[in-house]
Every structure is written in structure tokens, then in C-alpha cells.
């Protein structure tokens, strides 16, 4: 999501598709960090020509080559990894490569600042059109749908079904991480396609300011961008004195990573109504569950 947002490089899929991407036979190098790494990637890579490269001192993997990342030498290390992949490319020869010819258009990479300009224009950037849309009843509110894919749920189903339901009920959606890519694969980040799923109010707002009804705000750890947007909405006035007063909600319908829970905690602490789609593993402890 970060290279998509910052450099416009197309993305192949989300969390549960990493093994599928490798099994196309077209991956010369797969780079992994700490979290959201399938434990069988090393074994799977041995079935193809792919080089699995780990980069974090905190996480090394069986059958992976380790090229440790150092911020002071970031560009040199990146070049080393790219050269490793290029040198491995000839090893594809004679092996079957199957890349599905399935693509979706998307508009990605919004920030709190760019949303500001889209809503009010370059010369008078403002959140006023969004606030007015809610005040006048054209929009019922905004929802952030974020988080992982979960193997306990049909792939992407929780994200896409919730997004479509909210759009149909005139709720604007912002999204990050695996949710964003799930919605993109369903055509919900394509302004030309997504509006057919929307209620009349969302359609009017999005057509007027030229944005898709689902706004991609980056990776799964960029939830702070969403909180900045909410702070700007409060500052614009007319909807309450704090984030807790806003008609806004957050949801992680398919969460599976511990970082999703920690993010959920600070979203709750910020005053946002929050829903986690899967039960917390601590729910056997009634006292702790009540406290949370």
C-alpha cells in the first residue's frame, strides 16, 4: 500500500494472496518484514525459482536470504535487493508462468491534505462540503473500514459486503490496508464503477467534488490519517465539539493481527464508535472483557 500510495506502483493483492502471487511463477524475489508473513512462504518458494528475502533483525525465516534493512543505507540496500531479483530472472526460463489477466482500475493515495483540496478546491481548500452534506442530511456520516484478511472468513467478503451496505445507506467510506485492496478488487475505488452501489446522497457529493465513494488512505498502520481527517471535520464546525460527537464509526471486519487490536484501542480512546468483526481471544476473561 505504501509504494502504491507514494509511487503509484500497482499492487498484486492483499494478505491472503501472497502465496497465490508466488505460485504464479512470476515472482523473482519476495521481500518480507515482520508482520503479515505466511509461515509456509519459505517452503513454497523452494517449489519455484523465487528468492525469499527477509529484512528485519526481529524476524528471520527458514529458507530465506537475509538482507537487513538499515535506514542510513536505505537506497543502497534497496538497489541490492532489486539486483538480486534481476539476477534471478533468467531462472524463470523453462518454467511455467501463469499470470491471471484480471485487472481493476482504482484511485488511491488520498491524504488528509489532499481530501481537503478535493472537497474545497485548490484555492479554497475546506471540509465544508463534507460537513454540509452531513448537516443537510445528504450524507448520514462516514465510516472507516480497515484491517486484515482473516482465513476464518471467505476472502474479502467482510470488507466488501460492509462497504457496499454503508455506501447504499449514504455513508462515505475511508479505508486502509488489506480492506482497501479488497474494495479495489471489487471495483469500489473506481469512481466510474463504484457509484452504482451508492445511495443518492453519496452519489451527489462524489460527483460534485470528483472523488470515489471509498477513499484509500494508505497502509494498515496509517489509521492516524483518518483521525486527522476527523479532527479537521470537527474544526470545520457544525457537527460537534469533539470526535465523539461526529456521526463516524470504525470497523475491522476481518482482523487477525495484534496490531489491529492495538489500533482499535486507540481509535476507541479517540472517541470513535468501533467494531471488531472477530471475537477477541481474551473474552474468556470476563473482567478484562468488561474493562475493554
C-alpha atoms as a PDB file:
ATOM      1  CA  UNK A   1       0.000   0.000   0.000  1.00  0.00           C
ATOM      2  CA  UNK A   2       2.837   2.423   0.709  1.00  0.00           C
ATOM      3  CA  UNK A   3       4.516   2.052  -2.690  1.00  0.00           C
ATOM      4  CA  UNK A   4       1.083   2.268  -4.301  1.00  0.00           C
ATOM      5  CA  UNK A   5       0.312   5.462  -2.403  1.00  0.00           C
ATOM      6  CA  UNK A   6       3.692   7.174  -2.714  1.00  0.00           C
ATOM      7  CA  UNK A   7       4.827   5.977  -6.146  1.00  0.00           C
ATOM      8  CA  UNK A   8       1.716   4.690  -7.938  1.00  0.00           C
ATOM      9  CA  UNK A   9       3.093   1.158  -8.348  1.00  0.00           C
ATOM     10  CA  UNK A  10       0.205  -1.300  -8.951  1.00  0.00           C
ATOM     11  CA  UNK A  11      -0.447  -3.873  -6.244  1.00  0.00           C
ATOM     12  CA  UNK A  12      -0.953  -7.593  -6.865  1.00  0.00           C
ATOM     13  CA  UNK A  13      -3.270  -8.387  -3.955  1.00  0.00           C
ATOM     14  CA  UNK A  14      -3.710  -8.351  -0.198  1.00  0.00           C
ATOM     15  CA  UNK A  15      -2.615 -10.512   2.735  1.00  0.00           C
ATOM     16  CA  UNK A  16      -4.239 -13.848   1.883  1.00  0.00           C
ATOM     17  CA  UNK A  17      -2.991 -13.698  -1.711  1.00  0.00           C
ATOM     18  CA  UNK A  18       0.755 -13.686  -1.019  1.00  0.00           C
ATOM     19  CA  UNK A  19       1.114 -17.437  -1.575  1.00  0.00           C
ATOM     20  CA  UNK A  20      -1.053 -17.229  -4.703  1.00  0.00           C
ATOM     21  CA  UNK A  21       1.165 -14.470  -6.102  1.00  0.00           C
ATOM     22  CA  UNK A  22       4.254 -16.580  -5.533  1.00  0.00           C
ATOM     23  CA  UNK A  23       2.635 -19.613  -7.180  1.00  0.00           C
ATOM     24  CA  UNK A  24       2.250 -17.728 -10.486  1.00  0.00           C
ATOM     25  CA  UNK A  25       5.936 -18.451 -11.074  1.00  0.00           C
ATOM     26  CA  UNK A  26       6.461 -14.793 -11.997  1.00  0.00           C
ATOM     27  CA  UNK A  27       7.955 -13.602  -8.692  1.00  0.00           C
ATOM     28  CA  UNK A  28      11.736 -13.285  -8.886  1.00  0.00           C
ATOM     29  CA  UNK A  29      12.072 -12.018  -5.308  1.00  0.00           C
ATOM     30  CA  UNK A  30       9.622 -11.643  -2.446  1.00  0.00           C
ATOM     31  CA  UNK A  31      10.636  -9.247   0.323  1.00  0.00           C
ATOM     32  CA  UNK A  32       9.157  -9.691   3.803  1.00  0.00           C
ATOM     33  CA  UNK A  33       9.398  -7.705   7.004  1.00  0.00           C
ATOM     34  CA  UNK A  34       7.884  -8.613  10.390  1.00  0.00           C
ATOM     35  CA  UNK A  35       4.114  -8.998  10.281  1.00  0.00           C
ATOM     36  CA  UNK A  36       1.566 -10.497   7.891  1.00  0.00           C
ATOM     37  CA  UNK A  37       4.002 -13.103   6.556  1.00  0.00           C
ATOM     38  CA  UNK A  38       2.658 -16.587   5.816  1.00  0.00           C
ATOM     39  CA  UNK A  39       4.747 -19.192   7.694  1.00  0.00           C
ATOM     40  CA  UNK A  40       4.962 -21.531   4.689  1.00  0.00           C
ATOM     41  CA  UNK A  41       6.451 -18.988   2.258  1.00  0.00           C
ATOM     42  CA  UNK A  42       9.963 -20.423   2.567  1.00  0.00           C
ATOM     43  CA  UNK A  43       8.819 -23.944   1.720  1.00  0.00           C
ATOM     44  CA  UNK A  44       6.630 -22.668  -1.110  1.00  0.00           C
ATOM     45  CA  UNK A  45       9.432 -20.567  -2.607  1.00  0.00           C
ATOM     46  CA  UNK A  46      11.528 -23.736  -2.949  1.00  0.00           C
ATOM     47  CA  UNK A  47       8.924 -25.065  -5.401  1.00  0.00           C
ATOM     48  CA  UNK A  48       9.626 -22.137  -7.728  1.00  0.00           C
ATOM     49  CA  UNK A  49      12.637 -20.023  -8.617  1.00  0.00           C
ATOM     50  CA  UNK A  50      11.612 -17.254  -6.186  1.00  0.00           C
ATOM     51  CA  UNK A  51      14.110 -15.867  -3.698  1.00  0.00           C
ATOM     52  CA  UNK A  52      12.527 -15.065  -0.338  1.00  0.00           C
ATOM     53  CA  UNK A  53      14.330 -12.126   1.292  1.00  0.00           C
ATOM     54  CA  UNK A  54      13.856 -11.107   4.930  1.00  0.00           C
ATOM     55  CA  UNK A  55      14.830  -7.591   6.015  1.00  0.00           C
ATOM     56  CA  UNK A  56      14.154  -7.200   9.744  1.00  0.00           C
ATOM     57  CA  UNK A  57      16.519  -8.148  12.583  1.00  0.00           C
ATOM     58  CA  UNK A  58      13.393  -9.111  14.539  1.00  0.00           C
ATOM     59  CA  UNK A  59      12.166 -11.746  12.097  1.00  0.00           C
ATOM     60  CA  UNK A  60      14.131 -14.256  10.044  1.00  0.00           C
ATOM     61  CA  UNK A  61      12.528 -17.137   8.171  1.00  0.00           C
ATOM     62  CA  UNK A  62      13.529 -20.654   7.103  1.00  0.00           C
ATOM     63  CA  UNK A  63      14.874 -20.878   3.528  1.00  0.00           C
ATOM     64  CA  UNK A  64      15.055 -17.062   3.259  1.00  0.00           C
ATOM     65  CA  UNK A  65      18.041 -14.939   2.322  1.00  0.00           C
ATOM     66  CA  UNK A  66      18.549 -12.167   4.886  1.00  0.00           C
ATOM     67  CA  UNK A  67      19.383  -8.641   3.708  1.00  0.00           C
ATOM     68  CA  UNK A  68      18.955  -6.488   6.782  1.00  0.00           C
ATOM     69  CA  UNK A  69      17.439  -3.042   6.341  1.00  0.00           C
ATOM     70  CA  UNK A  70      19.293  -0.011   7.687  1.00  0.00           C
ATOM     71  CA  UNK A  71      17.712   3.438   7.334  1.00  0.00           C
ATOM     72  CA  UNK A  72      21.120   5.055   6.881  1.00  0.00           C
ATOM     73  CA  UNK A  73      21.780   2.846   3.842  1.00  0.00           C
ATOM     74  CA  UNK A  74      18.206   2.506   2.582  1.00  0.00           C
ATOM     75  CA  UNK A  75      18.847   3.278  -1.093  1.00  0.00           C
ATOM     76  CA  UNK A  76      21.907   1.024  -1.350  1.00  0.00           C
ATOM     77  CA  UNK A  77      20.049  -1.867   0.299  1.00  0.00           C
ATOM     78  CA  UNK A  78      17.050  -1.355  -1.998  1.00  0.00           C
ATOM     79  CA  UNK A  79      19.368  -1.483  -5.022  1.00  0.00           C
ATOM     80  CA  UNK A  80      20.963  -4.673  -3.692  1.00  0.00           C
ATOM     81  CA  UNK A  81      17.555  -6.340  -3.395  1.00  0.00           C
ATOM     82  CA  UNK A  82      16.482  -5.209  -6.875  1.00  0.00           C
ATOM     83  CA  UNK A  83      19.747  -6.500  -8.372  1.00  0.00           C
ATOM     84  CA  UNK A  84      19.180  -9.837  -6.600  1.00  0.00           C
ATOM     85  CA  UNK A  85      15.752 -10.095  -8.248  1.00  0.00           C
ATOM     86  CA  UNK A  86      17.093  -9.118 -11.683  1.00  0.00           C
ATOM     87  CA  UNK A  87      19.876 -11.688 -11.467  1.00  0.00           C
ATOM     88  CA  UNK A  88      17.295 -14.330 -10.568  1.00  0.00           C
ATOM     89  CA  UNK A  89      15.073 -13.518 -13.565  1.00  0.00           C
ATOM     90  CA  UNK A  90      16.842 -15.926 -16.002  1.00  0.00           C
ATOM     91  CA  UNK A  91      15.918 -18.797 -13.671  1.00  0.00           C
ATOM     92  CA  UNK A  92      12.316 -18.470 -14.851  1.00  0.00           C
ATOM     93  CA  UNK A  93      13.404 -19.997 -18.166  1.00  0.00           C
ATOM     94  CA  UNK A  94      11.702 -23.275 -18.955  1.00  0.00           C
ATOM     95  CA  UNK A  95       9.255 -22.963 -16.069  1.00  0.00           C
ATOM     96  CA  UNK A  96       5.563 -22.282 -16.365  1.00  0.00           C
ATOM     97  CA  UNK A  97       4.484 -18.722 -15.594  1.00  0.00           C
ATOM     98  CA  UNK A  98       0.754 -18.103 -15.189  1.00  0.00           C
ATOM     99  CA  UNK A  99      -0.382 -14.528 -14.534  1.00  0.00           C
ATOM    100  CA  UNK A 100      -4.192 -14.154 -14.424  1.00  0.00           C
ATOM    101  CA  UNK A 101      -5.392 -11.446 -16.815  1.00  0.00           C
ATOM    102  CA  UNK A 102      -7.653  -9.755 -14.273  1.00  0.00           C
ATOM    103  CA  UNK A 103      -7.327  -6.041 -13.536  1.00  0.00           C
ATOM    104  CA  UNK A 104      -9.294  -3.283 -11.843  1.00  0.00           C
ATOM    105  CA  UNK A 105      -8.970   0.474 -12.096  1.00  0.00           C
ATOM    106  CA  UNK A 106      -8.633   2.402  -8.853  1.00  0.00           C
ATOM    107  CA  UNK A 107      -7.997   5.864  -7.444  1.00  0.00           C
ATOM    108  CA  UNK A 108      -5.679   5.561  -4.441  1.00  0.00           C
ATOM    109  CA  UNK A 109      -3.397   7.594  -2.221  1.00  0.00           C
ATOM    110  CA  UNK A 110      -5.564  10.217  -0.529  1.00  0.00           C
ATOM    111  CA  UNK A 111      -4.199  12.108   2.474  1.00  0.00           C
ATOM    112  CA  UNK A 112      -5.871  14.402   4.987  1.00  0.00           C
ATOM    113  CA  UNK A 113      -4.431  17.314   2.994  1.00  0.00           C
ATOM    114  CA  UNK A 114      -5.496  16.122  -0.464  1.00  0.00           C
ATOM    115  CA  UNK A 115      -9.040  15.380   0.748  1.00  0.00           C
ATOM    116  CA  UNK A 116      -9.039  18.992   1.976  1.00  0.00           C
ATOM    117  CA  UNK A 117      -8.278  20.227  -1.560  1.00  0.00           C
ATOM    118  CA  UNK A 118     -10.642  17.839  -3.339  1.00  0.00           C
ATOM    119  CA  UNK A 119     -13.550  18.952  -1.175  1.00  0.00           C
ATOM    120  CA  UNK A 120     -12.931  22.694  -1.319  1.00  0.00           C
ATOM    121  CA  UNK A 121     -10.729  23.197  -4.363  1.00  0.00           C
ATOM    122  CA  UNK A 122      -7.099  24.270  -4.607  1.00  0.00           C
ATOM    123  CA  UNK A 123      -7.823  27.936  -3.886  1.00  0.00           C
ATOM    124  CA  UNK A 124     -10.323  27.438  -1.071  1.00  0.00           C
ATOM    125  CA  UNK A 125      -9.482  24.055   0.482  1.00  0.00           C
ATOM    126  CA  UNK A 126     -12.114  23.167   3.048  1.00  0.00           C
ATOM    127  CA  UNK A 127     -14.014  20.309   4.655  1.00  0.00           C
ATOM    128  CA  UNK A 128     -17.192  22.421   4.431  1.00  0.00           C
ATOM    129  CA  UNK A 129     -18.794  20.375   1.576  1.00  0.00           C
ATOM    130  CA  UNK A 130     -18.442  17.203   3.685  1.00  0.00           C
ATOM    131  CA  UNK A 131     -19.819  18.849   6.828  1.00  0.00           C
ATOM    132  CA  UNK A 132     -22.661  20.466   4.889  1.00  0.00           C
ATOM    133  CA  UNK A 133     -23.506  17.138   3.289  1.00  0.00           C
ATOM    134  CA  UNK A 134     -23.966  15.605   6.747  1.00  0.00           C
ATOM    135  CA  UNK A 135     -25.748  18.629   8.235  1.00  0.00           C
ATOM    136  CA  UNK A 136     -28.269  18.761   5.368  1.00  0.00           C
ATOM    137  CA  UNK A 137     -28.868  15.008   5.513  1.00  0.00           C
ATOM    138  CA  UNK A 138     -27.446  14.046   2.132  1.00  0.00           C
ATOM    139  CA  UNK A 139     -24.782  12.030   3.951  1.00  0.00           C
ATOM    140  CA  UNK A 140     -25.594  10.007   7.051  1.00  0.00           C
ATOM    141  CA  UNK A 141     -21.960  10.022   8.174  1.00  0.00           C
ATOM    142  CA  UNK A 142     -18.581   8.457   7.479  1.00  0.00           C
ATOM    143  CA  UNK A 143     -17.074   5.078   8.316  1.00  0.00           C
ATOM    144  CA  UNK A 144     -13.514   3.781   8.331  1.00  0.00           C
ATOM    145  CA  UNK A 145     -13.220   0.115   7.339  1.00  0.00           C
ATOM    146  CA  UNK A 146      -9.722  -1.199   7.976  1.00  0.00           C
ATOM    147  CA  UNK A 147      -7.755  -4.280   8.959  1.00  0.00           C
ATOM    148  CA  UNK A 148      -6.554  -7.638   7.763  1.00  0.00           C
ATOM    149  CA  UNK A 149      -7.907 -10.601   5.847  1.00  0.00           C
ATOM    150  CA  UNK A 150      -8.948 -13.474   8.091  1.00  0.00           C
ATOM    151  CA  UNK A 151      -8.838 -17.144   6.984  1.00  0.00           C
ATOM    152  CA  UNK A 152     -11.973 -17.771   9.069  1.00  0.00           C
ATOM    153  CA  UNK A 153     -13.981 -15.648   6.617  1.00  0.00           C
ATOM    154  CA  UNK A 154     -14.456 -16.001   2.864  1.00  0.00           C
ATOM    155  CA  UNK A 155     -11.680 -13.936   1.311  1.00  0.00           C
ATOM    156  CA  UNK A 156     -12.585 -10.204   1.274  1.00  0.00           C
ATOM    157  CA  UNK A 157     -16.269 -10.903   1.988  1.00  0.00           C
ATOM    158  CA  UNK A 158     -16.467  -8.976   5.273  1.00  0.00           C
ATOM    159  CA  UNK A 159     -14.788  -5.889   3.826  1.00  0.00           C
ATOM    160  CA  UNK A 160     -16.709  -5.715   0.566  1.00  0.00           C
ATOM    161  CA  UNK A 161     -20.138  -6.581   2.000  1.00  0.00           C
ATOM    162  CA  UNK A 162     -19.845  -3.958   4.758  1.00  0.00           C
ATOM    163  CA  UNK A 163     -18.576  -1.302   2.335  1.00  0.00           C
ATOM    164  CA  UNK A 164     -21.427  -1.856  -0.118  1.00  0.00           C
ATOM    165  CA  UNK A 165     -24.028  -1.752   2.655  1.00  0.00           C
ATOM    166  CA  UNK A 166     -22.682   1.536   4.013  1.00  0.00           C
ATOM    167  CA  UNK A 167     -22.498   3.143   0.562  1.00  0.00           C
ATOM    168  CA  UNK A 168     -26.075   2.109  -0.190  1.00  0.00           C
ATOM    169  CA  UNK A 169     -27.131   3.887   3.006  1.00  0.00           C
ATOM    170  CA  UNK A 170     -25.339   7.145   2.130  1.00  0.00           C
ATOM    171  CA  UNK A 171     -22.301   6.661   4.355  1.00  0.00           C
ATOM    172  CA  UNK A 172     -18.967   7.801   2.907  1.00  0.00           C
ATOM    173  CA  UNK A 173     -16.196   5.215   3.448  1.00  0.00           C
ATOM    174  CA  UNK A 174     -12.477   5.680   4.088  1.00  0.00           C
ATOM    175  CA  UNK A 175     -10.196   2.679   4.100  1.00  0.00           C
ATOM    176  CA  UNK A 176      -6.621   1.462   4.521  1.00  0.00           C
ATOM    177  CA  UNK A 177      -4.554  -1.705   4.247  1.00  0.00           C
ATOM    178  CA  UNK A 178      -5.976  -5.036   3.125  1.00  0.00           C
ATOM    179  CA  UNK A 179      -9.502  -3.623   3.251  1.00  0.00           C
ATOM    180  CA  UNK A 180      -8.553  -1.007   0.665  1.00  0.00           C
ATOM    181  CA  UNK A 181      -7.259  -3.649  -1.737  1.00  0.00           C
ATOM    182  CA  UNK A 182     -10.316  -5.848  -1.149  1.00  0.00           C
ATOM    183  CA  UNK A 183     -12.530  -2.905  -2.100  1.00  0.00           C
ATOM    184  CA  UNK A 184     -10.307  -2.086  -5.081  1.00  0.00           C
ATOM    185  CA  UNK A 185     -10.642  -5.633  -6.427  1.00  0.00           C
ATOM    186  CA  UNK A 186     -14.427  -5.244  -6.161  1.00  0.00           C
ATOM    187  CA  UNK A 187     -14.316  -2.020  -8.193  1.00  0.00           C
ATOM    188  CA  UNK A 188     -15.201   0.197  -5.229  1.00  0.00           C
ATOM    189  CA  UNK A 189     -12.187   2.507  -5.674  1.00  0.00           C
ATOM    190  CA  UNK A 190     -13.091   3.202  -9.303  1.00  0.00           C
ATOM    191  CA  UNK A 191     -15.306   6.334  -9.420  1.00  0.00           C
ATOM    192  CA  UNK A 192     -16.865   5.211 -12.691  1.00  0.00           C
ATOM    193  CA  UNK A 193     -17.943   1.839 -11.294  1.00  0.00           C
ATOM    194  CA  UNK A 194     -18.473   2.384  -7.582  1.00  0.00           C
ATOM    195  CA  UNK A 195     -21.261   4.970  -7.713  1.00  0.00           C
ATOM    196  CA  UNK A 196     -23.774   2.335  -8.812  1.00  0.00           C
ATOM    197  CA  UNK A 197     -23.537   0.857  -5.303  1.00  0.00           C
ATOM    198  CA  UNK A 198     -24.206   4.219  -3.619  1.00  0.00           C
ATOM    199  CA  UNK A 199     -27.242   5.992  -2.296  1.00  0.00           C
ATOM    200  CA  UNK A 200     -28.328   9.267  -3.884  1.00  0.00           C
ATOM    201  CA  UNK A 201     -26.578  11.444  -1.287  1.00  0.00           C
ATOM    202  CA  UNK A 202     -23.147   9.843  -1.678  1.00  0.00           C
ATOM    203  CA  UNK A 203     -23.524   9.991  -5.461  1.00  0.00           C
ATOM    204  CA  UNK A 204     -24.255  13.730  -5.352  1.00  0.00           C
ATOM    205  CA  UNK A 205     -21.294  14.549  -3.102  1.00  0.00           C
ATOM    206  CA  UNK A 206     -18.806  12.393  -5.025  1.00  0.00           C
ATOM    207  CA  UNK A 207     -19.876  13.695  -8.434  1.00  0.00           C
ATOM    208  CA  UNK A 208     -19.752  17.298  -7.208  1.00  0.00           C
ATOM    209  CA  UNK A 209     -16.181  17.134  -5.868  1.00  0.00           C
ATOM    210  CA  UNK A 210     -14.763  14.391  -8.110  1.00  0.00           C
ATOM    211  CA  UNK A 211     -13.855  11.694  -5.586  1.00  0.00           C
ATOM    212  CA  UNK A 212     -14.686   7.976  -5.361  1.00  0.00           C
ATOM    213  CA  UNK A 213     -17.105   6.973  -2.571  1.00  0.00           C
ATOM    214  CA  UNK A 214     -14.343   4.896  -0.959  1.00  0.00           C
ATOM    215  CA  UNK A 215     -11.164   6.839  -0.153  1.00  0.00           C
ATOM    216  CA  UNK A 216      -7.867   4.928   0.034  1.00  0.00           C
ATOM    217  CA  UNK A 217      -5.717   6.487   2.791  1.00  0.00           C
ATOM    218  CA  UNK A 218      -2.697   4.190   2.781  1.00  0.00           C
ATOM    219  CA  UNK A 219      -1.459   1.132   4.635  1.00  0.00           C
ATOM    220  CA  UNK A 220      -2.967  -0.618   7.635  1.00  0.00           C
ATOM    221  CA  UNK A 221      -0.774   1.371  10.041  1.00  0.00           C
ATOM    222  CA  UNK A 222      -1.892   4.733   8.629  1.00  0.00           C
ATOM    223  CA  UNK A 223      -5.074   4.989  10.707  1.00  0.00           C
ATOM    224  CA  UNK A 224      -3.740   8.222  12.179  1.00  0.00           C
ATOM    225  CA  UNK A 225      -4.511   9.844   8.807  1.00  0.00           C
ATOM    226  CA  UNK A 226      -8.173   9.015   9.369  1.00  0.00           C
ATOM    227  CA  UNK A 227      -8.065  10.594  12.830  1.00  0.00           C
ATOM    228  CA  UNK A 228      -6.528  13.735  11.298  1.00  0.00           C
ATOM    229  CA  UNK A 229      -9.452  13.875   8.848  1.00  0.00           C
ATOM    230  CA  UNK A 230     -11.908  13.611  11.752  1.00  0.00           C
ATOM    231  CA  UNK A 231     -10.092  16.384  13.629  1.00  0.00           C
ATOM    232  CA  UNK A 232     -10.391  18.587  10.539  1.00  0.00           C
ATOM    233  CA  UNK A 233     -14.120  17.842  10.320  1.00  0.00           C
ATOM    234  CA  UNK A 234     -14.535  18.893  13.969  1.00  0.00           C
ATOM    235  CA  UNK A 235     -12.505  22.062  13.354  1.00  0.00           C
ATOM    236  CA  UNK A 236     -14.703  22.953  10.378  1.00  0.00           C
ATOM    237  CA  UNK A 237     -17.633  23.212  12.781  1.00  0.00           C
ATOM    238  CA  UNK A 238     -21.305  22.372  12.829  1.00  0.00           C
ATOM    239  CA  UNK A 239     -21.084  18.720  13.873  1.00  0.00           C
ATOM    240  CA  UNK A 240     -19.965  18.837  17.488  1.00  0.00           C
ATOM    241  CA  UNK A 241     -17.112  19.792  19.747  1.00  0.00           C
ATOM    242  CA  UNK A 242     -15.111  16.535  19.602  1.00  0.00           C
ATOM    243  CA  UNK A 243     -14.577  13.394  17.537  1.00  0.00           C
ATOM    244  CA  UNK A 244     -17.016  11.574  19.832  1.00  0.00           C
ATOM    245  CA  UNK A 245     -19.809  13.893  18.617  1.00  0.00           C
ATOM    246  CA  UNK A 246     -19.350  13.029  14.937  1.00  0.00           C
ATOM    247  CA  UNK A 247     -21.548  10.552  13.019  1.00  0.00           C
ATOM    248  CA  UNK A 248     -18.466   8.405  12.398  1.00  0.00           C
ATOM    249  CA  UNK A 249     -17.558   4.787  13.062  1.00  0.00           C
ATOM    250  CA  UNK A 250     -14.633   2.424  12.584  1.00  0.00           C
ATOM    251  CA  UNK A 251     -14.657  -1.294  11.791  1.00  0.00           C
ATOM    252  CA  UNK A 252     -12.164  -4.113  11.263  1.00  0.00           C
ATOM    253  CA  UNK A 253     -14.451  -6.887   9.958  1.00  0.00           C
ATOM    254  CA  UNK A 254     -11.705  -9.459   9.297  1.00  0.00           C
ATOM    255  CA  UNK A 255      -8.928  -8.508  11.731  1.00  0.00           C
ATOM    256  CA  UNK A 256      -6.395 -11.190  12.670  1.00  0.00           C
ATOM    257  CA  UNK A 257      -3.196  -9.337  13.671  1.00  0.00           C
ATOM    258  CA  UNK A 258      -2.346  -7.994  17.113  1.00  0.00           C
ATOM    259  CA  UNK A 259      -1.639  -4.589  15.565  1.00  0.00           C
ATOM    260  CA  UNK A 260      -5.313  -4.410  14.553  1.00  0.00           C
ATOM    261  CA  UNK A 261      -6.326  -4.711  18.211  1.00  0.00           C
ATOM    262  CA  UNK A 262      -3.860  -2.028  19.333  1.00  0.00           C
ATOM    263  CA  UNK A 263      -5.103   0.273  16.566  1.00  0.00           C
ATOM    264  CA  UNK A 264      -8.682  -0.464  17.631  1.00  0.00           C
ATOM    265  CA  UNK A 265      -7.855   0.556  21.201  1.00  0.00           C
ATOM    266  CA  UNK A 266      -6.567   3.996  20.258  1.00  0.00           C
ATOM    267  CA  UNK A 267      -9.472   4.552  17.857  1.00  0.00           C
ATOM    268  CA  UNK A 268     -11.855   3.797  20.739  1.00  0.00           C
ATOM    269  CA  UNK A 269      -9.815   6.091  23.003  1.00  0.00           C
ATOM    270  CA  UNK A 270     -10.178   8.847  20.394  1.00  0.00           C
ATOM    271  CA  UNK A 271     -13.957   8.692  20.756  1.00  0.00           C
ATOM    272  CA  UNK A 272     -14.900   6.713  17.644  1.00  0.00           C
ATOM    273  CA  UNK A 273     -17.586   4.016  17.775  1.00  0.00           C
ATOM    274  CA  UNK A 274     -15.586   0.881  16.889  1.00  0.00           C
ATOM    275  CA  UNK A 275     -16.479  -2.654  15.801  1.00  0.00           C
ATOM    276  CA  UNK A 276     -14.147  -5.665  15.555  1.00  0.00           C
ATOM    277  CA  UNK A 277     -15.606  -8.385  13.347  1.00  0.00           C
ATOM    278  CA  UNK A 278     -13.971 -11.353  15.075  1.00  0.00           C
ATOM    279  CA  UNK A 279     -14.130 -12.079  18.844  1.00  0.00           C
ATOM    280  CA  UNK A 280     -11.158 -11.030  20.953  1.00  0.00           C
ATOM    281  CA  UNK A 281      -9.151 -14.005  22.292  1.00  0.00           C
ATOM    282  CA  UNK A 282      -9.402 -12.535  25.825  1.00  0.00           C
ATOM    283  CA  UNK A 283     -13.191 -12.853  26.005  1.00  0.00           C
ATOM    284  CA  UNK A 284     -12.848 -15.839  28.314  1.00  0.00           C
ATOM    285  CA  UNK A 285     -11.756 -13.352  31.000  1.00  0.00           C
ATOM    286  CA  UNK A 286     -14.996 -11.565  31.900  1.00  0.00           C
ATOM    287  CA  UNK A 287     -13.346  -8.834  33.977  1.00  0.00           C
ATOM    288  CA  UNK A 288     -10.862  -7.879  31.266  1.00  0.00           C
ATOM    289  CA  UNK A 289     -13.526  -8.016  28.565  1.00  0.00           C
ATOM    290  CA  UNK A 290     -15.777  -5.679  30.566  1.00  0.00           C
ATOM    291  CA  UNK A 291     -12.862  -3.293  31.124  1.00  0.00           C
ATOM    292  CA  UNK A 292     -12.067  -3.211  27.405  1.00  0.00           C
END
